[in-house]
Amino acid sequence: MSTLYTTCPSPLGELLIAGPEPGVLASVSVPGQKGGARVLPGWRRDDAAFADVVRQFGAYFAGELREFDIDLATGGSDFRERVWAALERIPYGATVTYGELAAMAGLEPRSVRAVGGAVGANPLTVVRPCHRVIGASGSLTGYAGGLERKKLLLTLEGVL
């Protein structure tokens, strides 16, 4: 089965939304995102397949939705999936440090660099809220979509 995709306008730029079947997300990327998905040969555009996903993004960016209700299919390593599951538990309007995220994932504090790598490899920007992870000093640290986008998302959620 080929990958299905659509695009969605957003304050972050046009989102590329992709997945293996209608309504199931494997990837959400912004233009120029480090490690972000690109439309590949064999992918098939199907706007109807992700109509509800696009609606949820619209509601999120309008400040009307705080939690996405979308089926996910990312297929990362066990370690990454563990970190990504912890990302999903960070509440809207809150932030955690990489060390706190490691603890949320049941990992040792010494794994903080590996946790940072997993956060950076998150294929579902916004949906898995890696923008809510900050440095130990409270500083905004790297974001694959760029720090300006991270600031925009945290401002939208009332953190900044």
C-alpha atoms as a PDB file:
ATOM      1  CA  MET A   1       0.000   0.000   0.000  1.00  0.00           C
ATOM      2  CA  SER A   2       1.354   3.429  -0.881  1.00  0.00           C
ATOM      3  CA  THR A   3       1.612   6.276   1.580  1.00  0.00           C
ATOM      4  CA  LEU A   4      -1.303   8.692   1.511  1.00  0.00           C
ATOM      5  CA  TYR A   5      -0.762  12.396   2.093  1.00  0.00           C
ATOM      6  CA  THR A   6      -2.337  15.811   2.124  1.00  0.00           C
ATOM      7  CA  THR A   7      -1.302  19.305   3.092  1.00  0.00           C
ATOM      8  CA  CYS A   8      -2.809  21.729   5.560  1.00  0.00           C
ATOM      9  CA  PRO A   9      -2.269  25.471   5.914  1.00  0.00           C
ATOM     10  CA  SER A  10      -1.119  26.540   9.367  1.00  0.00           C
ATOM     11  CA  PRO A  11       0.643  29.404  11.147  1.00  0.00           C
ATOM     12  CA  LEU A  12       3.778  27.205  10.967  1.00  0.00           C
ATOM     13  CA  GLY A  13       3.597  26.975   7.179  1.00  0.00           C
ATOM     14  CA  GLU A  14       1.972  24.301   5.079  1.00  0.00           C
ATOM     15  CA  LEU A  15       1.889  21.043   7.047  1.00  0.00           C
ATOM     16  CA  LEU A  16       2.640  17.815   5.179  1.00  0.00           C
ATOM     17  CA  ILE A  17       0.410  15.104   6.665  1.00  0.00           C
ATOM     18  CA  ALA A  18       1.049  11.474   5.713  1.00  0.00           C
ATOM     19  CA  GLY A  19       0.066   7.993   6.740  1.00  0.00           C
ATOM     20  CA  PRO A  20      -0.430   4.403   5.610  1.00  0.00           C
ATOM     21  CA  GLU A  21      -4.233   4.526   5.505  1.00  0.00           C
ATOM     22  CA  PRO A  22      -7.049   7.056   5.842  1.00  0.00           C
ATOM     23  CA  GLY A  23      -6.999   8.866   9.185  1.00  0.00           C
ATOM     24  CA  VAL A  24      -3.840   7.134  10.442  1.00  0.00           C
ATOM     25  CA  LEU A  25      -0.848   9.439  10.862  1.00  0.00           C
ATOM     26  CA  ALA A  26       2.758   8.427  10.408  1.00  0.00           C
ATOM     27  CA  SER A  27       4.165  11.896   9.796  1.00  0.00           C
ATOM     28  CA  VAL A  28       3.444  15.616  10.189  1.00  0.00           C
ATOM     29  CA  SER A  29       6.145  17.996   8.957  1.00  0.00           C
ATOM     30  CA  VAL A  30       6.607  21.718   8.436  1.00  0.00           C
ATOM     31  CA  PRO A  31       8.531  23.262   5.526  1.00  0.00           C
ATOM     32  CA  GLY A  32      12.278  23.065   6.050  1.00  0.00           C
ATOM     33  CA  GLN A  33      11.981  20.831   9.113  1.00  0.00           C
ATOM     34  CA  LYS A  34      15.193  19.029   9.986  1.00  0.00           C
ATOM     35  CA  GLY A  35      14.533  15.369   9.189  1.00  0.00           C
ATOM     36  CA  GLY A  36      10.994  16.184   8.035  1.00  0.00           C
ATOM     37  CA  ALA A  37       9.128  14.051   5.538  1.00  0.00           C
ATOM     38  CA  ARG A  38       9.066  14.842   1.839  1.00  0.00           C
ATOM     39  CA  VAL A  39       6.575  13.574  -0.734  1.00  0.00           C
ATOM     40  CA  LEU A  40       8.221  10.548  -2.323  1.00  0.00           C
ATOM     41  CA  PRO A  41       7.548   8.700  -5.572  1.00  0.00           C
ATOM     42  CA  GLY A  42       4.615   6.367  -5.066  1.00  0.00           C
ATOM     43  CA  TRP A  43       2.901   8.579  -2.492  1.00  0.00           C
ATOM     44  CA  ARG A  44      -0.714   9.374  -3.343  1.00  0.00           C
ATOM     45  CA  ARG A  45      -2.433  12.622  -2.459  1.00  0.00           C
ATOM     46  CA  ASP A  46      -5.790  11.985  -0.800  1.00  0.00           C
ATOM     47  CA  ASP A  47      -7.263  15.046   0.902  1.00  0.00           C
ATOM     48  CA  ALA A  48     -10.400  13.185   2.002  1.00  0.00           C
ATOM     49  CA  ALA A  49      -8.317  10.566   3.841  1.00  0.00           C
ATOM     50  CA  PHE A  50      -7.154  13.189   6.345  1.00  0.00           C
ATOM     51  CA  ALA A  51     -10.135  15.564   6.454  1.00  0.00           C
ATOM     52  CA  ASP A  52     -10.671  14.998  10.185  1.00  0.00           C
ATOM     53  CA  VAL A  53      -6.957  15.468  10.899  1.00  0.00           C
ATOM     54  CA  VAL A  54      -6.999  18.782   9.000  1.00  0.00           C
ATOM     55  CA  ARG A  55     -10.114  19.810  10.947  1.00  0.00           C
ATOM     56  CA  GLN A  56      -8.356  19.038  14.238  1.00  0.00           C
ATOM     57  CA  PHE A  57      -5.320  21.088  13.226  1.00  0.00           C
ATOM     58  CA  GLY A  58      -7.607  24.000  12.357  1.00  0.00           C
ATOM     59  CA  ALA A  59      -9.266  23.772  15.765  1.00  0.00           C
ATOM     60  CA  TYR A  60      -5.895  23.512  17.535  1.00  0.00           C
ATOM     61  CA  PHE A  61      -4.490  26.598  15.810  1.00  0.00           C
ATOM     62  CA  ALA A  62      -7.748  28.465  16.528  1.00  0.00           C
ATOM     63  CA  GLY A  63      -7.266  27.717  20.248  1.00  0.00           C
ATOM     64  CA  GLU A  64     -10.328  25.444  20.346  1.00  0.00           C
ATOM     65  CA  LEU A  65      -8.591  22.047  20.693  1.00  0.00           C
ATOM     66  CA  ARG A  66      -6.072  21.054  23.344  1.00  0.00           C
ATOM     67  CA  GLU A  67      -5.678  17.340  22.649  1.00  0.00           C
ATOM     68  CA  PHE A  68      -5.632  15.528  19.321  1.00  0.00           C
ATOM     69  CA  ASP A  69      -7.687  12.374  18.785  1.00  0.00           C
ATOM     70  CA  ILE A  70      -5.864  10.710  15.907  1.00  0.00           C
ATOM     71  CA  ASP A  71      -4.681   7.148  15.261  1.00  0.00           C
ATOM     72  CA  LEU A  72      -0.889   7.034  15.025  1.00  0.00           C
ATOM     73  CA  ALA A  73       1.492   4.651  13.247  1.00  0.00           C
ATOM     74  CA  THR A  74       5.109   5.737  13.549  1.00  0.00           C
ATOM     75  CA  GLY A  75       7.136   2.553  13.971  1.00  0.00           C
ATOM     76  CA  GLY A  76      10.159   3.908  15.821  1.00  0.00           C
ATOM     77  CA  SER A  77      12.545   1.847  17.922  1.00  0.00           C
ATOM     78  CA  ASP A  78      11.286   0.714  21.326  1.00  0.00           C
ATOM     79  CA  PHE A  79      13.338   3.481  22.963  1.00  0.00           C
ATOM     80  CA  ARG A  80      11.934   6.200  20.686  1.00  0.00           C
ATOM     81  CA  GLU A  81       8.359   4.972  21.050  1.00  0.00           C
ATOM     82  CA  ARG A  82       8.799   5.072  24.828  1.00  0.00           C
ATOM     83  CA  VAL A  83      10.003   8.685  24.702  1.00  0.00           C
ATOM     84  CA  TRP A  84       7.281   9.648  22.204  1.00  0.00           C
ATOM     85  CA  ALA A  85       4.617   8.105  24.449  1.00  0.00           C
ATOM     86  CA  ALA A  86       5.929  10.290  27.292  1.00  0.00           C
ATOM     87  CA  LEU A  87       5.681  13.345  25.005  1.00  0.00           C
ATOM     88  CA  GLU A  88       1.992  12.627  24.561  1.00  0.00           C
ATOM     89  CA  ARG A  89       1.501  12.932  28.342  1.00  0.00           C
ATOM     90  CA  ILE A  90       2.782  16.523  28.533  1.00  0.00           C
ATOM     91  CA  PRO A  91      -0.374  18.601  29.053  1.00  0.00           C
ATOM     92  CA  TYR A  92      -1.374  21.481  26.822  1.00  0.00           C
ATOM     93  CA  GLY A  93       0.070  24.712  28.184  1.00  0.00           C
ATOM     94  CA  ALA A  94       2.823  22.968  30.169  1.00  0.00           C
ATOM     95  CA  THR A  95       6.517  22.350  29.614  1.00  0.00           C
ATOM     96  CA  VAL A  96       8.981  19.782  30.898  1.00  0.00           C
ATOM     97  CA  THR A  97      12.750  19.551  30.733  1.00  0.00           C
ATOM     98  CA  TYR A  98      14.563  16.768  28.918  1.00  0.00           C
ATOM     99  CA  GLY A  99      15.451  15.294  32.323  1.00  0.00           C
ATOM    100  CA  GLU A 100      11.814  15.356  33.406  1.00  0.00           C
ATOM    101  CA  LEU A 101      10.808  13.737  30.120  1.00  0.00           C
ATOM    102  CA  ALA A 102      13.381  10.985  30.700  1.00  0.00           C
ATOM    103  CA  ALA A 103      11.829  10.337  34.123  1.00  0.00           C
ATOM    104  CA  MET A 104       8.320  10.350  32.597  1.00  0.00           C
ATOM    105  CA  ALA A 105       9.522   7.658  30.171  1.00  0.00           C
ATOM    106  CA  GLY A 106      10.940   5.620  33.071  1.00  0.00           C
ATOM    107  CA  LEU A 107      14.531   6.218  31.965  1.00  0.00           C
ATOM    108  CA  GLU A 108      17.671   7.011  33.925  1.00  0.00           C
ATOM    109  CA  PRO A 109      18.790  10.671  34.126  1.00  0.00           C
ATOM    110  CA  ARG A 110      21.968   9.763  32.242  1.00  0.00           C
ATOM    111  CA  SER A 111      19.827   9.001  29.161  1.00  0.00           C
ATOM    112  CA  VAL A 112      18.941  12.669  28.687  1.00  0.00           C
ATOM    113  CA  ARG A 113      21.041  13.029  25.494  1.00  0.00           C
ATOM    114  CA  ALA A 114      19.420   9.969  23.936  1.00  0.00           C
ATOM    115  CA  VAL A 115      16.025  11.337  24.976  1.00  0.00           C
ATOM    116  CA  GLY A 116      16.914  14.578  23.197  1.00  0.00           C
ATOM    117  CA  GLY A 117      17.746  12.588  20.079  1.00  0.00           C
ATOM    118  CA  ALA A 118      14.396  10.805  20.211  1.00  0.00           C
ATOM    119  CA  VAL A 119      12.567  14.114  20.678  1.00  0.00           C
ATOM    120  CA  GLY A 120      14.422  15.533  17.677  1.00  0.00           C
ATOM    121  CA  ALA A 121      13.400  12.523  15.586  1.00  0.00           C
ATOM    122  CA  ASN A 122       9.702  12.869  16.467  1.00  0.00           C
ATOM    123  CA  PRO A 123       7.837  12.403  13.148  1.00  0.00           C
ATOM    124  CA  LEU A 124       4.601  13.951  14.421  1.00  0.00           C
ATOM    125  CA  THR A 125       5.318  17.591  15.119  1.00  0.00           C
ATOM    126  CA  VAL A 126       2.551  19.344  17.085  1.00  0.00           C
ATOM    127  CA  VAL A 127       0.568  16.102  17.554  1.00  0.00           C
ATOM    128  CA  ARG A 128       3.322  14.665  19.749  1.00  0.00           C
ATOM    129  CA  PRO A 129       4.186  17.954  21.442  1.00  0.00           C
ATOM    130  CA  CYS A 130       7.974  18.030  21.351  1.00  0.00           C
ATOM    131  CA  HIS A 131       7.667  21.843  21.418  1.00  0.00           C
ATOM    132  CA  ARG A 132       6.773  21.498  25.118  1.00  0.00           C
ATOM    133  CA  VAL A 133      10.259  20.204  25.997  1.00  0.00           C
ATOM    134  CA  ILE A 134      12.712  22.854  27.199  1.00  0.00           C
ATOM    135  CA  GLY A 135      16.242  23.032  28.545  1.00  0.00           C
ATOM    136  CA  ALA A 136      17.076  22.453  32.222  1.00  0.00           C
ATOM    137  CA  SER A 137      17.608  26.210  32.647  1.00  0.00           C
ATOM    138  CA  GLY A 138      14.154  26.932  31.247  1.00  0.00           C
ATOM    139  CA  SER A 139      15.576  28.045  27.912  1.00  0.00           C
ATOM    140  CA  LEU A 140      13.982  27.173  24.611  1.00  0.00           C
ATOM    141  CA  THR A 141      16.297  24.640  23.092  1.00  0.00           C
ATOM    142  CA  GLY A 142      16.440  23.124  19.643  1.00  0.00           C
ATOM    143  CA  TYR A 143      13.322  22.359  17.665  1.00  0.00           C
ATOM    144  CA  ALA A 144      13.454  20.522  14.338  1.00  0.00           C
ATOM    145  CA  GLY A 145      10.972  23.009  12.879  1.00  0.00           C
ATOM    146  CA  GLY A 146      12.961  26.027  14.097  1.00  0.00           C
ATOM    147  CA  LEU A 147      12.856  28.006  17.342  1.00  0.00           C
ATOM    148  CA  GLU A 148      10.468  30.628  15.924  1.00  0.00           C
ATOM    149  CA  ARG A 149       7.892  27.895  15.376  1.00  0.00           C
ATOM    150  CA  LYS A 150       8.482  26.545  18.874  1.00  0.00           C
ATOM    151  CA  LYS A 151       7.892  30.044  20.276  1.00  0.00           C
ATOM    152  CA  LEU A 152       4.701  30.358  18.219  1.00  0.00           C
ATOM    153  CA  LEU A 153       3.335  27.050  19.543  1.00  0.00           C
ATOM    154  CA  LEU A 154       4.201  27.824  23.164  1.00  0.00           C
ATOM    155  CA  THR A 155       2.642  31.291  22.790  1.00  0.00           C
ATOM    156  CA  LEU A 156      -0.521  29.732  21.329  1.00  0.00           C
ATOM    157  CA  GLU A 157      -0.698  27.397  24.340  1.00  0.00           C
ATOM    158  CA  GLY A 158      -0.202  30.297  26.788  1.00  0.00           C
ATOM    159  CA  VAL A 159       3.247  29.238  28.016  1.00  0.00           C
ATOM    160  CA  LEU A 160       5.020  32.355  26.702  1.00  0.00           C
END
